[in-house]
C-alpha atoms as a PDB file:
ATOM      1  CA  MET A   1      85.095  88.325 118.668  1.00  0.00           C
ATOM      2  CA  LYS A   2      88.473  88.806 120.299  1.00  0.00           C
ATOM      3  CA  LYS A   3      89.090  91.307 123.072  1.00  0.00           C
ATOM      4  CA  ALA A   4      92.708  92.460 122.885  1.00  0.00           C
ATOM      5  CA  ARG A   5      93.742  94.214 126.091  1.00  0.00           C
ATOM      6  CA  LEU A   6      96.247  97.095 125.984  1.00  0.00           C
ATOM      7  CA  ALA A   7      96.858  97.417 129.719  1.00  0.00           C
ATOM      8  CA  VAL A   8      99.363 100.282 129.540  1.00  0.00           C
ATOM      9  CA  PHE A   9      96.560 102.554 128.250  1.00  0.00           C
ATOM     10  CA  ASP A  10      93.756 100.815 130.183  1.00  0.00           C
ATOM     11  CA  LEU A  11      91.756  99.933 127.084  1.00  0.00           C
ATOM     12  CA  SER A  12      90.706  97.044 124.903  1.00  0.00           C
ATOM     13  CA  VAL A  13      90.362  96.652 121.152  1.00  0.00           C
ATOM     14  CA  TYR A  14      87.481  94.484 119.944  1.00  0.00           C
ATOM     15  CA  ILE A  15      88.228  92.494 116.792  1.00  0.00           C
ATOM     16  CA  TYR A  16      85.506  90.863 114.696  1.00  0.00           C
ATOM     17  CA  GLY A  17      86.165  88.398 111.892  1.00  0.00           C
ATOM     18  CA  ASN A  18      84.420  87.993 108.559  1.00  0.00           C
ATOM     19  CA  ASP A  19      81.481  85.970 109.902  1.00  0.00           C
ATOM     20  CA  GLU A  20      80.892  88.408 112.791  1.00  0.00           C
ATOM     21  CA  LYS A  21      79.864  91.474 110.776  1.00  0.00           C
ATOM     22  CA  GLY A  22      76.290  91.495 112.103  1.00  0.00           C
ATOM     23  CA  ARG A  23      77.501  91.397 115.692  1.00  0.00           C
ATOM     24  CA  PHE A  24      79.981  94.223 115.035  1.00  0.00           C
ATOM     25  CA  LEU A  25      77.295  96.378 113.382  1.00  0.00           C
ATOM     26  CA  LYS A  26      74.929  95.848 116.302  1.00  0.00           C
ATOM     27  CA  GLU A  27      77.451  96.318 119.120  1.00  0.00           C
ATOM     28  CA  PHE A  28      78.949  99.469 117.576  1.00  0.00           C
ATOM     29  CA  SER A  29      75.658 100.896 116.234  1.00  0.00           C
ATOM     30  CA  GLN A  30      76.862 100.962 112.636  1.00  0.00           C
ATOM     31  CA  GLU A  31      74.976 100.659 109.370  1.00  0.00           C
ATOM     32  CA  ASP A  32      75.922  97.989 106.858  1.00  0.00           C
ATOM     33  CA  GLY A  33      78.043  99.239 103.983  1.00  0.00           C
ATOM     34  CA  ASN A  34      79.653  97.737 100.930  1.00  0.00           C
ATOM     35  CA  SER A  35      83.080  97.568 102.500  1.00  0.00           C
ATOM     36  CA  TYR A  36      85.575  94.839 103.305  1.00  0.00           C
ATOM     37  CA  GLY A  37      86.384  96.261 106.703  1.00  0.00           C
ATOM     38  CA  MET A  38      85.044  98.775 109.151  1.00  0.00           C
ATOM     39  CA  THR A  39      86.247 100.538 112.294  1.00  0.00           C
ATOM     40  CA  SER A  40      84.217 102.287 114.959  1.00  0.00           C
ATOM     41  CA  GLY A  41      85.930 103.591 118.076  1.00  0.00           C
ATOM     42  CA  ASN A  42      87.859 100.683 119.549  1.00  0.00           C
ATOM     43  CA  GLY A  43      86.089  98.047 117.462  1.00  0.00           C
ATOM     44  CA  VAL A  44      87.099  96.670 114.083  1.00  0.00           C
ATOM     45  CA  TRP A  45      85.463  94.247 111.666  1.00  0.00           C
ATOM     46  CA  ILE A  46      87.632  92.582 109.011  1.00  0.00           C
ATOM     47  CA  GLY A  47      85.930  90.926 106.047  1.00  0.00           C
ATOM     48  CA  GLU A  48      87.608  89.063 103.226  1.00  0.00           C
ATOM     49  CA  CYS A  49      89.373  90.594 100.244  1.00  0.00           C
ATOM     50  CA  ASP A  50      92.328  89.979  97.949  1.00  0.00           C
ATOM     51  CA  ASP A  51      94.726  92.047 100.085  1.00  0.00           C
ATOM     52  CA  MET A  52      94.080  90.980 103.676  1.00  0.00           C
ATOM     53  CA  PHE A  53      97.323  92.490 105.044  1.00  0.00           C
ATOM     54  CA  GLY A  54      96.534  95.839 103.426  1.00  0.00           C
ATOM     55  CA  LEU A  55      92.984  95.769 104.809  1.00  0.00           C
ATOM     56  CA  ILE A  56      94.154  94.817 108.298  1.00  0.00           C
ATOM     57  CA  TYR A  57      96.686  97.646 108.505  1.00  0.00           C
ATOM     58  CA  HIS A  58      94.261 100.139 106.934  1.00  0.00           C
ATOM     59  CA  GLU A  59      91.728  99.421 109.691  1.00  0.00           C
ATOM     60  CA  ALA A  60      94.461  99.163 112.359  1.00  0.00           C
ATOM     61  CA  ASN A  61      95.474 102.708 111.466  1.00  0.00           C
ATOM     62  CA  HIS A  62      91.936 103.921 112.290  1.00  0.00           C
ATOM     63  CA  ILE A  63      92.114 102.159 115.668  1.00  0.00           C
ATOM     64  CA  VAL A  64      95.479 103.798 116.387  1.00  0.00           C
ATOM     65  CA  ASP A  65      94.024 107.228 115.539  1.00  0.00           C
ATOM     66  CA  TRP A  66      91.166 106.549 117.967  1.00  0.00           C
ATOM     67  CA  ILE A  67      93.609 105.538 120.714  1.00  0.00           C
ATOM     68  CA  LEU A  68      95.804 108.599 120.168  1.00  0.00           C
ATOM     69  CA  VAL A  69      92.997 111.151 119.826  1.00  0.00           C
ATOM     70  CA  GLU A  70      90.243 109.837 122.088  1.00  0.00           C
ATOM     71  CA  ARG A  71      92.204 108.085 124.821  1.00  0.00           C
ATOM     72  CA  LEU A  72      95.571 109.847 124.883  1.00  0.00           C
ATOM     73  CA  LYS A  73      94.324 113.272 123.696  1.00  0.00           C
ATOM     74  CA  CYS A  74      97.254 113.709 121.295  1.00  0.00           C
ATOM     75  CA  ASP A  75      97.021 116.651 118.930  1.00  0.00           C
ATOM     76  CA  PHE A  76      99.646 115.540 116.379  1.00  0.00           C
ATOM     77  CA  VAL A  77      97.504 112.884 114.686  1.00  0.00           C
ATOM     78  CA  GLY A  78      96.116 115.177 111.996  1.00  0.00           C
ATOM     79  CA  LEU A  79      99.587 116.317 110.975  1.00  0.00           C
ATOM     80  CA  MET A  80     100.210 113.064 109.049  1.00  0.00           C
ATOM     81  CA  GLY A  81     103.500 112.856 110.886  1.00  0.00           C
ATOM     82  CA  SER A  82     105.231 109.840 112.289  1.00  0.00           C
ATOM     83  CA  SER A  83     106.096 108.983 115.852  1.00  0.00           C
ATOM     84  CA  GLU A  84     107.448 106.014 117.750  1.00  0.00           C
ATOM     85  CA  ILE A  85     104.258 105.662 119.779  1.00  0.00           C
ATOM     86  CA  ARG A  86     102.170 105.583 116.563  1.00  0.00           C
ATOM     87  CA  ALA A  87     104.493 103.007 114.996  1.00  0.00           C
ATOM     88  CA  TYR A  88     104.428 100.695 118.021  1.00  0.00           C
ATOM     89  CA  LEU A  89     100.653 101.010 118.382  1.00  0.00           C
ATOM     90  CA  LEU A  90     100.112 100.234 114.702  1.00  0.00           C
ATOM     91  CA  GLU A  91     102.371  97.199 114.966  1.00  0.00           C
ATOM     92  CA  TRP A  92     100.525  95.931 118.056  1.00  0.00           C
ATOM     93  CA  VAL A  93      96.999  96.497 116.722  1.00  0.00           C
ATOM     94  CA  GLY A  94      97.839  94.982 113.332  1.00  0.00           C
ATOM     95  CA  LYS A  95      99.387  91.943 114.977  1.00  0.00           C
ATOM     96  CA  GLU A  96      96.367  91.396 117.246  1.00  0.00           C
ATOM     97  CA  ILE A  97      94.009  91.602 114.263  1.00  0.00           C
ATOM     98  CA  ARG A  98      96.176  89.207 112.224  1.00  0.00           C
ATOM     99  CA  LYS A  99      96.306  86.678 115.061  1.00  0.00           C
ATOM    100  CA  TYR A 100      92.498  86.566 115.238  1.00  0.00           C
ATOM    101  CA  VAL A 101      91.413  87.060 111.633  1.00  0.00           C
ATOM    102  CA  LEU A 102      94.186  85.145 109.889  1.00  0.00           C
ATOM    103  CA  LYS A 103      94.670  82.670 112.760  1.00  0.00           C
ATOM    104  CA  GLU A 104      98.360  83.528 113.016  1.00  0.00           C
ATOM    105  CA  ILE A 105     100.296  82.095 115.933  1.00  0.00           C
ATOM    106  CA  GLU A 106     103.173  83.869 117.618  1.00  0.00           C
END
């Protein structure tokens, strides 16, 4: 598990790799499903599939929604609109997940 700290918003994102599904399910009180990835609050589990980049950014989007709605109390999330803060958050979360799950180095 990797704890990625986003100090500007005083929060962390918890990233779990393929072999850490059980730990993710337990720590975030989730039930096992037939999915390749799963997000709960500020935690994300990434399994393995043919399109890892697609999966990572799909789940990163859920984390960004959680940050915007639950932590920043933004009301524009449901409008399917775009914003600079959403774009930068998605880039950051996706990059943090990629670094841990795909072992990418900056």
